[in-house]
């Protein structure tokens, strides 16, 4: 897959790739140079912290799902009352 680099070095990751890898805005990505190649990896910082015994002791994925569900309910109520 080809992408074009912008004037300031910005590369846009195509939507299909973002969706397949679950990449979200604000995620930390790791860029590595291997010879003449660029390797870009998504990093799950929470998983890394949990593996080291640091960070929150709760299920972050479950917490995010609950936040999303509550946000959807809130938006539904707002549109019903509008």
Protein backbone atom coordinates (compact mmCIF):
# COMPACT_ATOMS: atom_id res chain seq x y z
CA UNK A 1 0.00 0.00 0.00
CA UNK A 2 1.35 3.41 -0.91
CA UNK A 3 0.91 6.61 1.07
CA UNK A 4 2.20 10.09 0.38
CA UNK A 5 4.23 12.12 2.84
CA UNK A 6 3.18 15.73 3.21
CA UNK A 7 5.36 18.83 3.27
CA UNK A 8 5.96 18.63 7.03
CA UNK A 9 6.61 14.87 7.02
CA UNK A 10 3.03 13.93 7.91
CA UNK A 11 1.87 10.50 6.76
CA UNK A 12 -1.83 9.64 6.85
CA UNK A 13 -2.61 6.03 7.77
CA UNK A 14 -5.45 4.90 5.48
CA UNK A 15 -8.83 4.35 7.15
CA UNK A 16 -8.94 0.64 6.25
CA UNK A 17 -5.60 0.11 8.04
CA UNK A 18 -6.68 2.16 11.08
CA UNK A 19 -9.87 0.11 11.37
CA UNK A 20 -8.11 -3.24 10.90
CA UNK A 21 -5.53 -2.43 13.59
CA UNK A 22 -7.92 -0.58 15.89
CA UNK A 23 -5.90 2.63 15.71
CA UNK A 24 -7.56 5.64 17.32
CA UNK A 25 -6.73 9.33 17.35
CA UNK A 26 -4.17 10.12 20.04
CA UNK A 27 -2.74 6.59 20.23
CA UNK A 28 1.00 6.30 20.64
CA UNK A 29 2.71 4.66 17.68
CA UNK A 30 6.30 3.48 17.67
CA UNK A 31 8.42 4.26 14.61
CA UNK A 32 11.56 2.22 13.98
CA UNK A 33 14.08 2.50 11.16
CA UNK A 34 15.38 -0.89 9.95
CA UNK A 35 17.89 -0.39 7.18
CA UNK A 36 15.95 1.40 4.45
CA UNK A 37 12.52 0.56 5.93
CA UNK A 38 10.21 2.37 8.34
CA UNK A 39 8.35 0.09 10.75
CA UNK A 40 5.32 1.62 12.47
CA UNK A 41 3.79 -0.25 15.42
CA UNK A 42 0.78 0.50 17.57
CA UNK A 43 1.65 0.41 21.26
CA UNK A 44 -0.79 -0.51 23.98
CA UNK A 45 0.69 1.54 26.80
CA UNK A 46 -1.85 0.24 29.33
CA UNK A 47 -0.89 -3.37 28.56
CA UNK A 48 2.79 -2.47 28.94
CA UNK A 49 2.16 -0.82 32.30
CA UNK A 50 0.04 -3.75 33.52
CA UNK A 51 2.77 -6.19 32.45
CA UNK A 52 5.24 -4.27 34.61
CA UNK A 53 2.80 -4.24 37.52
CA UNK A 54 2.15 -0.52 37.19
CA UNK A 55 -0.92 1.40 36.18
CA UNK A 56 -4.56 0.82 36.95
CA UNK A 57 -5.75 -2.45 38.43
CA UNK A 58 -9.04 -2.44 36.53
CA UNK A 59 -10.03 -3.63 33.08
CA UNK A 60 -9.43 -0.61 30.84
CA UNK A 61 -11.28 -2.15 27.88
CA UNK A 62 -14.39 -2.75 29.99
CA UNK A 63 -14.14 0.80 31.38
CA UNK A 64 -13.94 2.25 27.84
CA UNK A 65 -16.94 0.15 26.71
CA UNK A 66 -18.97 1.40 29.67
CA UNK A 67 -18.00 4.99 28.88
CA UNK A 68 -19.06 4.52 25.25
CA UNK A 69 -22.39 2.97 26.30
CA UNK A 70 -23.10 5.77 28.77
CA UNK A 71 -22.22 8.40 26.18
CA UNK A 72 -24.60 6.78 23.67
CA UNK A 73 -27.42 6.74 26.26
CA UNK A 74 -26.76 10.37 27.14
CA UNK A 75 -26.83 11.39 23.46
CA UNK A 76 -30.08 9.47 22.93
CA UNK A 77 -31.71 11.27 25.88
CA UNK A 78 -30.54 14.64 24.56
CA UNK A 79 -31.95 14.01 21.09
CA UNK A 80 -35.26 12.77 22.55
CA UNK A 81 -35.59 15.94 24.65
CA UNK A 82 -34.64 18.28 21.80
